[in-house]
Amino acid sequence: MTGAVTAIEMANDAGITVDQAMQDAVDILQPSFTIFSTACDNLDGLVTNFGGLLVPGFCGIIASVYCLFIVDGLCCAAKCCSSPKVTGKVDTSATINKAVQDV
C-alpha cells in the first residue's frame, strides 16, 4: 500500500498524470490495508500473550494430578477399592427365604 501511494505521488511530482481508475483503486484499498494491518498487529499480540498462560496452565495440570493422587489415596485409605472383609458366619438362609416369599 505504501509503495502504491509513493508511486502515485512520484508520478504526480514528475508531471505524469495518473489514471483516475488507479487513484480510485488505491483510495478504496487504503481502509482495507489499515484494517488488515491492525488485525496483524493484534494477532502478533495474541501469540505473544500466550506465553503468559503457560505458568497458570502448568499449575492447573499439577493441581489436577495432585487431586487425582489424593482421591485415589483416600479411596485406598477408606478401603473403597477392595472387597469387603466379612468376619464371622452370615446366615444367608433367612435372606433367601425372605426373597422367595417376596416373589
Protein backbone atom coordinates (compact mmCIF):
# COMPACT_ATOMS: atom_id res chain seq x y z
CA MET A 1 0.00 0.00 0.00
CA THR A 2 2.74 2.37 0.94
CA GLY A 3 4.55 1.56 -2.30
CA ALA A 4 1.43 2.27 -4.39
CA VAL A 5 0.84 5.61 -2.66
CA THR A 6 4.51 6.54 -3.06
CA ALA A 7 4.45 5.59 -6.78
CA ILE A 8 1.40 7.79 -7.39
CA GLU A 9 2.99 10.69 -5.53
CA MET A 10 6.24 10.29 -7.50
CA ALA A 11 4.30 10.19 -10.76
CA ASN A 12 2.40 13.37 -9.82
CA ASP A 13 5.68 15.08 -8.83
CA ALA A 14 7.24 14.09 -12.16
CA GLY A 15 4.30 15.60 -14.01
CA ILE A 16 2.83 12.32 -15.18
CA THR A 17 -0.93 12.18 -14.96
CA VAL A 18 -2.17 9.15 -13.07
CA ASP A 19 -5.23 7.38 -14.38
CA GLN A 20 -8.28 8.13 -12.21
CA ALA A 21 -9.14 4.41 -12.03
CA MET A 22 -5.74 3.72 -10.47
CA GLN A 23 -6.20 6.52 -7.95
CA ASP A 24 -9.68 5.21 -7.09
CA ALA A 25 -8.30 1.69 -6.59
CA VAL A 26 -5.66 2.97 -4.20
CA ASP A 27 -8.24 5.04 -2.32
CA ILE A 28 -10.51 2.01 -1.98
CA LEU A 29 -7.71 -0.28 -0.78
CA GLN A 30 -6.32 2.13 1.81
CA PRO A 31 -9.01 1.45 4.52
CA SER A 32 -8.72 -2.31 3.88
CA PHE A 33 -4.96 -2.10 4.32
CA THR A 34 -5.43 -0.26 7.63
CA ILE A 35 -7.85 -2.92 8.89
CA PHE A 36 -5.53 -5.74 7.76
CA SER A 37 -2.52 -4.10 9.38
CA THR A 38 -4.41 -3.69 12.67
CA ALA A 39 -5.54 -7.34 12.53
CA CYS A 40 -1.94 -8.49 12.02
CA ASP A 41 -0.74 -6.40 14.96
CA ASN A 42 -3.47 -7.88 17.17
CA LEU A 43 -2.61 -11.42 16.06
CA ASP A 44 1.04 -10.84 16.91
CA GLY A 45 -0.03 -9.59 20.33
CA LEU A 46 -2.19 -12.68 20.85
CA VAL A 47 0.68 -15.04 20.10
CA THR A 48 2.92 -13.05 22.46
CA ASN A 49 0.31 -13.18 25.24
CA PHE A 50 0.07 -16.99 25.09
CA GLY A 51 3.38 -17.06 26.95
CA GLY A 52 1.61 -15.57 29.97
CA LEU A 53 -0.80 -18.52 30.04
CA LEU A 54 1.97 -21.10 30.28
CA VAL A 55 2.50 -20.84 34.04
CA PRO A 56 -1.23 -20.91 35.01
CA GLY A 57 -1.81 -23.84 32.66
CA PHE A 58 1.11 -25.76 34.11
CA CYS A 59 -0.14 -25.05 37.65
CA GLY A 60 -3.58 -26.36 36.66
CA ILE A 61 -2.08 -29.59 35.34
CA ILE A 62 -0.04 -30.07 38.52
CA ALA A 63 -3.14 -29.42 40.68
CA SER A 64 -5.20 -31.93 38.66
CA VAL A 65 -2.58 -34.66 39.02
CA TYR A 66 -2.24 -33.93 42.76
CA CYS A 67 -6.03 -34.14 43.24
CA LEU A 68 -6.16 -37.43 41.36
CA PHE A 69 -3.42 -38.80 43.63
CA ILE A 70 -5.20 -37.58 46.78
CA VAL A 71 -8.58 -39.02 45.75
CA ASP A 72 -7.01 -42.39 44.97
CA GLY A 73 -5.18 -42.28 48.30
CA LEU A 74 -8.39 -41.52 50.19
CA CYS A 75 -10.16 -44.35 48.38
CA CYS A 76 -7.45 -46.81 49.39
CA ALA A 77 -7.38 -45.48 52.96
CA ALA A 78 -11.14 -45.94 53.28
CA LYS A 79 -10.84 -49.36 51.64
CA CYS A 80 -13.37 -48.44 48.97
CA CYS A 81 -11.36 -50.11 46.24
CA SER A 82 -11.04 -53.51 47.94
CA SER A 83 -13.55 -56.23 48.50
CA PRO A 84 -15.21 -56.15 51.91
CA LYS A 85 -13.82 -58.47 54.56
CA VAL A 86 -16.52 -60.48 56.28
CA THR A 87 -15.85 -61.71 59.76
CA GLY A 88 -17.94 -64.43 61.27
CA LYS A 89 -20.59 -66.53 59.63
CA VAL A 90 -23.57 -64.95 57.94
CA ASP A 91 -26.87 -66.80 57.84
CA THR A 92 -27.95 -66.48 54.23
CA SER A 93 -30.87 -68.90 54.52
CA ALA A 94 -33.08 -66.28 56.16
CA THR A 95 -32.33 -63.82 53.38
CA ILE A 96 -33.05 -66.35 50.66
CA ASN A 97 -36.35 -67.43 52.31
CA LYS A 98 -37.46 -63.78 52.59
CA ALA A 99 -36.61 -63.20 48.92
CA VAL A 100 -38.60 -66.25 47.88
CA GLN A 101 -41.61 -65.09 49.91
CA ASP A 102 -41.46 -61.63 48.31
CA VAL A 103 -41.67 -63.11 44.84
